[in-house]
């Protein structure tokens, strides 16, 4: 693995500054714009995810408080019935609910994968 190239520097008014060629500066500016757009998109996605999770939490509360459903056409209550609509929906929500956030960032995708 090669070492990182060192930036060109020069002294200006007694301070060291990094010198960029116009093309390098344009690439840097483009990368910053792209990163800013990605950050805004990520922020919007995070907000949407939080709203979806809040909605799922509300749905779970409503299901937990709901009486057992009747089986269509049977005329009988489905109390204790493992296939009742309420229990099936609760099982789906439990199955697809992500684990609590561990505080670690996911691994980035392999280079070239998007």
N, C-alpha and C. Protein backbone atom coordinates (compact mmCIF):
# COMPACT_ATOMS: atom_id res chain seq x y z
N UNK A 1 0.85 -1.16 0.00
CA UNK A 1 0.00 0.00 0.00
C UNK A 1 0.90 1.23 0.00
N UNK A 2 0.68 2.13 -0.94
CA UNK A 2 1.52 3.32 -1.04
C UNK A 2 1.07 4.37 -0.04
N UNK A 3 1.98 5.25 0.31
CA UNK A 3 1.64 6.30 1.25
C UNK A 3 0.83 7.39 0.54
N UNK A 4 0.12 8.14 1.31
CA UNK A 4 -0.72 9.21 0.79
C UNK A 4 0.17 10.33 0.25
N UNK A 5 -0.14 10.89 -0.92
CA UNK A 5 0.69 11.97 -1.44
C UNK A 5 0.58 13.21 -0.56
N UNK A 6 1.66 13.88 -0.37
CA UNK A 6 1.69 15.08 0.46
C UNK A 6 1.23 16.28 -0.37
N UNK A 7 0.39 17.14 0.22
CA UNK A 7 -0.08 18.30 -0.52
C UNK A 7 1.06 19.30 -0.72
N UNK A 8 0.94 20.07 -1.78
CA UNK A 8 1.92 21.15 -2.00
C UNK A 8 1.54 22.30 -1.09
N UNK A 9 2.54 22.85 -0.44
CA UNK A 9 2.30 23.97 0.47
C UNK A 9 3.23 25.12 0.12
N UNK A 10 2.85 26.28 0.61
CA UNK A 10 3.70 27.45 0.48
C UNK A 10 3.38 28.38 1.63
N UNK A 11 4.24 29.32 1.88
CA UNK A 11 4.03 30.29 2.94
C UNK A 11 3.36 31.53 2.36
N UNK A 12 2.34 32.00 3.05
CA UNK A 12 1.64 33.22 2.65
C UNK A 12 1.36 34.01 3.92
N UNK A 13 1.88 35.20 4.00
CA UNK A 13 1.72 36.04 5.19
C UNK A 13 2.18 35.31 6.45
N UNK A 14 3.24 34.53 6.33
CA UNK A 14 3.81 33.83 7.48
C UNK A 14 3.08 32.54 7.86
N UNK A 15 2.08 32.12 7.09
CA UNK A 15 1.35 30.89 7.40
C UNK A 15 1.50 29.91 6.25
N UNK A 16 1.54 28.63 6.59
CA UNK A 16 1.59 27.59 5.57
C UNK A 16 0.18 27.40 5.00
N UNK A 17 0.05 27.38 3.69
CA UNK A 17 -1.22 27.14 3.02
C UNK A 17 -1.04 26.03 2.00
N UNK A 18 -2.11 25.33 1.69
CA UNK A 18 -2.08 24.27 0.69
C UNK A 18 -2.37 24.90 -0.66
N UNK A 19 -1.60 24.51 -1.64
CA UNK A 19 -1.75 25.05 -2.99
C UNK A 19 -2.41 24.00 -3.87
N UNK A 20 -3.48 24.40 -4.56
CA UNK A 20 -4.19 23.50 -5.47
C UNK A 20 -4.18 24.07 -6.87
N UNK A 21 -4.03 23.18 -7.83
CA UNK A 21 -4.19 23.59 -9.22
C UNK A 21 -5.68 23.84 -9.47
N UNK A 22 -6.05 24.64 -10.44
CA UNK A 22 -7.47 24.92 -10.69
C UNK A 22 -8.31 23.65 -10.86
N UNK A 23 -7.81 22.65 -11.56
CA UNK A 23 -8.56 21.41 -11.74
C UNK A 23 -8.75 20.67 -10.43
N UNK A 24 -7.73 20.66 -9.58
CA UNK A 24 -7.84 20.01 -8.27
C UNK A 24 -8.88 20.72 -7.41
N UNK A 25 -8.87 22.07 -7.48
CA UNK A 25 -9.84 22.84 -6.71
C UNK A 25 -11.26 22.54 -7.19
N UNK A 26 -11.47 22.47 -8.49
CA UNK A 26 -12.80 22.17 -9.03
C UNK A 26 -13.27 20.79 -8.58
N UNK A 27 -12.37 19.79 -8.60
CA UNK A 27 -12.75 18.45 -8.14
C UNK A 27 -13.10 18.46 -6.65
N UNK A 28 -12.33 19.22 -5.87
CA UNK A 28 -12.61 19.34 -4.45
C UNK A 28 -13.97 20.00 -4.22
N UNK A 29 -14.24 21.07 -4.94
CA UNK A 29 -15.53 21.77 -4.81
C UNK A 29 -16.69 20.87 -5.21
N UNK A 30 -16.51 20.11 -6.29
CA UNK A 30 -17.57 19.19 -6.74
C UNK A 30 -17.81 18.10 -5.70
N UNK A 31 -16.75 17.59 -5.10
CA UNK A 31 -16.89 16.55 -4.07
C UNK A 31 -17.63 17.11 -2.85
N UNK A 32 -17.34 18.34 -2.50
CA UNK A 32 -18.02 18.95 -1.35
C UNK A 32 -19.51 19.16 -1.65
N UNK A 33 -19.84 19.58 -2.87
CA UNK A 33 -21.25 19.75 -3.24
C UNK A 33 -21.97 18.41 -3.20
N UNK A 34 -21.32 17.38 -3.73
CA UNK A 34 -21.93 16.05 -3.73
C UNK A 34 -22.16 15.57 -2.31
N UNK A 35 -21.18 15.77 -1.45
CA UNK A 35 -21.30 15.34 -0.05
C UNK A 35 -22.43 16.10 0.64
N UNK A 36 -22.55 17.39 0.35
CA UNK A 36 -23.64 18.17 0.95
C UNK A 36 -25.00 17.65 0.53
N UNK A 37 -25.14 17.31 -0.75
CA UNK A 37 -26.40 16.76 -1.23
C UNK A 37 -26.71 15.41 -0.60
N UNK A 38 -25.68 14.58 -0.46
CA UNK A 38 -25.88 13.27 0.16
C UNK A 38 -26.26 13.41 1.63
N UNK A 39 -25.65 14.37 2.32
CA UNK A 39 -25.97 14.59 3.74
C UNK A 39 -27.43 15.04 3.89
N UNK A 40 -27.89 15.92 3.00
CA UNK A 40 -29.28 16.38 3.06
C UNK A 40 -30.24 15.21 2.79
N UNK A 41 -29.90 14.38 1.81
CA UNK A 41 -30.73 13.22 1.48
C UNK A 41 -30.77 12.25 2.67
N UNK A 42 -29.63 12.01 3.29
CA UNK A 42 -29.56 11.11 4.44
C UNK A 42 -30.39 11.66 5.60
N UNK A 43 -30.34 12.95 5.81
CA UNK A 43 -31.13 13.57 6.88
C UNK A 43 -32.63 13.37 6.62
N UNK A 44 -33.06 13.55 5.39
CA UNK A 44 -34.47 13.35 5.04
C UNK A 44 -34.88 11.89 5.23
N UNK A 45 -34.00 10.97 4.83
CA UNK A 45 -34.31 9.55 5.01
C UNK A 45 -34.40 9.18 6.49
N UNK A 46 -33.53 9.76 7.30
CA UNK A 46 -33.56 9.49 8.74
C UNK A 46 -34.88 9.98 9.33
N UNK A 47 -35.32 11.17 8.92
CA UNK A 47 -36.59 11.71 9.42
C UNK A 47 -37.75 10.80 9.01
N UNK A 48 -37.75 10.33 7.77
CA UNK A 48 -38.81 9.43 7.31
C UNK A 48 -38.78 8.11 8.08
N UNK A 49 -37.61 7.59 8.36
CA UNK A 49 -37.49 6.35 9.13
C UNK A 49 -38.03 6.55 10.55
N UNK A 50 -37.72 7.68 11.16
CA UNK A 50 -38.23 7.95 12.51
C UNK A 50 -39.75 8.04 12.51
N UNK A 51 -40.32 8.66 11.47
CA UNK A 51 -41.77 8.75 11.37
C UNK A 51 -42.39 7.37 11.18
N UNK A 52 -41.76 6.54 10.36
CA UNK A 52 -42.28 5.18 10.12
C UNK A 52 -42.21 4.35 11.40
N UNK A 53 -41.11 4.47 12.12
CA UNK A 53 -40.99 3.73 13.38
C UNK A 53 -42.04 4.18 14.39
N UNK A 54 -42.28 5.49 14.46
CA UNK A 54 -43.31 6.00 15.37
C UNK A 54 -44.68 5.45 14.98
N UNK A 55 -44.96 5.39 13.68
CA UNK A 55 -46.24 4.84 13.22
C UNK A 55 -46.35 3.37 13.59
N UNK A 56 -45.27 2.61 13.41
CA UNK A 56 -45.30 1.19 13.79
C UNK A 56 -45.50 1.03 15.29
N UNK A 57 -44.88 1.88 16.09
CA UNK A 57 -45.08 1.82 17.54
C UNK A 57 -46.55 2.06 17.88
N UNK A 58 -47.17 3.04 17.22
CA UNK A 58 -48.59 3.31 17.45
C UNK A 58 -49.46 2.13 17.03
N UNK A 59 -49.13 1.52 15.89
CA UNK A 59 -49.89 0.35 15.42
C UNK A 59 -49.78 -0.79 16.42
N UNK A 60 -48.57 -1.01 16.94
CA UNK A 60 -48.39 -2.07 17.93
C UNK A 60 -49.23 -1.81 19.18
N UNK A 61 -49.30 -0.56 19.62
CA UNK A 61 -50.10 -0.23 20.80
C UNK A 61 -51.58 -0.49 20.54
N UNK A 62 -52.06 -0.09 19.36
CA UNK A 62 -53.47 -0.30 19.02
C UNK A 62 -53.76 -1.80 18.96
N UNK A 63 -52.87 -2.58 18.34
CA UNK A 63 -53.08 -4.02 18.25
C UNK A 63 -53.08 -4.68 19.63
N UNK A 64 -52.20 -4.21 20.51
CA UNK A 64 -52.13 -4.80 21.85
C UNK A 64 -53.42 -4.55 22.63
N UNK A 65 -54.08 -3.43 22.36
CA UNK A 65 -55.31 -3.07 23.07
C UNK A 65 -56.56 -3.58 22.38
N UNK A 66 -56.45 -4.04 21.15
CA UNK A 66 -57.62 -4.46 20.37
C UNK A 66 -58.11 -5.82 20.84
N UNK A 67 -59.44 -6.01 20.80
CA UNK A 67 -59.96 -7.34 21.12
C UNK A 67 -59.59 -8.31 20.00
N UNK A 68 -59.66 -9.58 20.30
CA UNK A 68 -59.38 -10.59 19.28
C UNK A 68 -60.39 -10.45 18.15
N UNK A 69 -59.97 -10.72 16.96
CA UNK A 69 -60.84 -10.62 15.79
C UNK A 69 -61.71 -11.86 15.66
N UNK A 70 -62.82 -11.70 15.00
CA UNK A 70 -63.67 -12.83 14.67
C UNK A 70 -63.21 -13.42 13.35
N UNK A 71 -63.29 -14.72 13.23
CA UNK A 71 -62.96 -15.34 11.96
C UNK A 71 -64.12 -15.08 11.01
N UNK A 72 -63.85 -14.63 9.80
CA UNK A 72 -64.93 -14.33 8.86
C UNK A 72 -65.82 -15.54 8.62
N UNK A 73 -67.12 -15.32 8.77
CA UNK A 73 -68.09 -16.36 8.45
C UNK A 73 -68.29 -17.41 9.54
N UNK A 74 -67.45 -17.43 10.57
CA UNK A 74 -67.59 -18.49 11.58
C UNK A 74 -68.58 -18.11 12.66
N UNK A 75 -68.72 -16.79 12.90
CA UNK A 75 -69.62 -16.36 13.97
C UNK A 75 -69.03 -16.60 15.34
N UNK A 76 -67.83 -17.11 15.41
CA UNK A 76 -67.21 -17.38 16.70
C UNK A 76 -66.00 -16.47 16.90
N UNK A 77 -65.71 -16.19 18.15
CA UNK A 77 -64.55 -15.37 18.48
C UNK A 77 -63.28 -16.18 18.25
N UNK A 78 -62.25 -15.48 17.92
CA UNK A 78 -60.97 -16.14 17.68
C UNK A 78 -60.06 -16.04 18.90
N UNK A 79 -60.64 -15.86 20.08
CA UNK A 79 -59.82 -15.75 21.29
C UNK A 79 -58.95 -16.99 21.42
N UNK A 80 -57.67 -16.76 21.60
CA UNK A 80 -56.74 -17.87 21.74
C UNK A 80 -56.34 -18.50 20.44
N UNK A 81 -56.97 -18.09 19.37
CA UNK A 81 -56.67 -18.65 18.05
C UNK A 81 -55.35 -18.07 17.56
N UNK A 82 -54.34 -18.92 17.32
CA UNK A 82 -53.04 -18.40 16.90
C UNK A 82 -53.06 -17.73 15.54
N UNK A 83 -54.08 -18.00 14.72
CA UNK A 83 -54.13 -17.42 13.40
C UNK A 83 -55.05 -16.20 13.33
N UNK A 84 -55.43 -15.65 14.48
CA UNK A 84 -56.30 -14.47 14.43
C UNK A 84 -55.53 -13.33 13.76
N UNK A 85 -56.26 -12.41 13.16
CA UNK A 85 -55.65 -11.29 12.45
C UNK A 85 -54.74 -10.49 13.39
N UNK A 86 -55.22 -10.23 14.58
CA UNK A 86 -54.42 -9.46 15.54
C UNK A 86 -53.09 -10.14 15.82
N UNK A 87 -53.13 -11.42 16.11
CA UNK A 87 -51.89 -12.15 16.43
C UNK A 87 -50.97 -12.25 15.22
N UNK A 88 -51.54 -12.43 14.05
CA UNK A 88 -50.71 -12.50 12.84
C UNK A 88 -50.02 -11.16 12.58
N UNK A 89 -50.76 -10.07 12.75
CA UNK A 89 -50.14 -8.75 12.56
C UNK A 89 -49.06 -8.48 13.60
N UNK A 90 -49.31 -8.86 14.84
CA UNK A 90 -48.30 -8.68 15.88
C UNK A 90 -47.04 -9.50 15.55
N UNK A 91 -47.23 -10.70 15.06
CA UNK A 91 -46.08 -11.55 14.70
C UNK A 91 -45.29 -10.93 13.55
N UNK A 92 -46.00 -10.37 12.57
CA UNK A 92 -45.30 -9.72 11.45
C UNK A 92 -44.48 -8.54 11.96
N UNK A 93 -45.08 -7.72 12.82
CA UNK A 93 -44.35 -6.57 13.35
C UNK A 93 -43.13 -7.00 14.16
N UNK A 94 -43.27 -8.06 14.96
CA UNK A 94 -42.12 -8.56 15.74
C UNK A 94 -41.04 -9.11 14.83
N UNK A 95 -41.44 -9.82 13.78
CA UNK A 95 -40.48 -10.46 12.88
C UNK A 95 -39.66 -9.44 12.12
N UNK A 96 -40.30 -8.37 11.68
CA UNK A 96 -39.63 -7.41 10.81
C UNK A 96 -39.09 -6.19 11.55
N UNK A 97 -39.23 -6.16 12.85
CA UNK A 97 -38.72 -5.03 13.62
C UNK A 97 -37.21 -5.18 13.75
N UNK A 98 -36.44 -4.15 13.36
CA UNK A 98 -34.99 -4.26 13.48
C UNK A 98 -34.57 -4.29 14.94
N UNK A 99 -33.40 -4.87 15.16
CA UNK A 99 -32.86 -4.90 16.51
C UNK A 99 -32.54 -3.47 16.94
N UNK A 100 -32.56 -3.19 18.24
CA UNK A 100 -32.21 -1.84 18.69
C UNK A 100 -30.83 -1.45 18.18
N UNK A 101 -30.67 -0.17 17.91
CA UNK A 101 -29.41 0.34 17.37
C UNK A 101 -28.29 0.08 18.37
N UNK A 102 -27.20 -0.51 17.88
CA UNK A 102 -26.10 -0.89 18.76
C UNK A 102 -25.11 0.24 18.97
N UNK A 103 -25.29 1.35 18.26
CA UNK A 103 -24.36 2.46 18.40
C UNK A 103 -23.16 2.36 17.50
N UNK A 104 -23.11 1.30 16.69
CA UNK A 104 -22.01 1.17 15.75
C UNK A 104 -22.50 1.44 14.36
N UNK A 105 -21.66 1.93 13.53
CA UNK A 105 -22.02 2.21 12.15
C UNK A 105 -21.92 0.94 11.33
N UNK A 106 -22.82 0.79 10.36
CA UNK A 106 -22.70 -0.39 9.49
C UNK A 106 -21.43 -0.29 8.66
N UNK A 107 -20.93 -1.44 8.22
CA UNK A 107 -19.75 -1.45 7.39
C UNK A 107 -20.07 -0.82 6.05
N UNK A 108 -19.15 -0.02 5.53
CA UNK A 108 -19.41 0.56 4.21
C UNK A 108 -19.42 -0.51 3.14
N UNK A 109 -20.15 -0.29 2.03
CA UNK A 109 -20.17 -1.30 0.98
C UNK A 109 -18.79 -1.44 0.36
N UNK A 110 -18.50 -2.60 -0.23
CA UNK A 110 -17.19 -2.78 -0.89
C UNK A 110 -16.99 -1.72 -1.95
N UNK A 111 -15.73 -1.43 -2.23
CA UNK A 111 -15.40 -0.40 -3.20
C UNK A 111 -16.02 -0.75 -4.55
N UNK A 112 -16.70 0.23 -5.12
CA UNK A 112 -17.34 0.01 -6.41
C UNK A 112 -18.79 -0.42 -6.32
N UNK A 113 -19.24 -0.81 -5.12
CA UNK A 113 -20.64 -1.22 -4.95
C UNK A 113 -21.46 -0.02 -4.52
N UNK A 114 -22.61 0.14 -5.11
CA UNK A 114 -23.51 1.23 -4.70
C UNK A 114 -24.93 0.78 -4.75
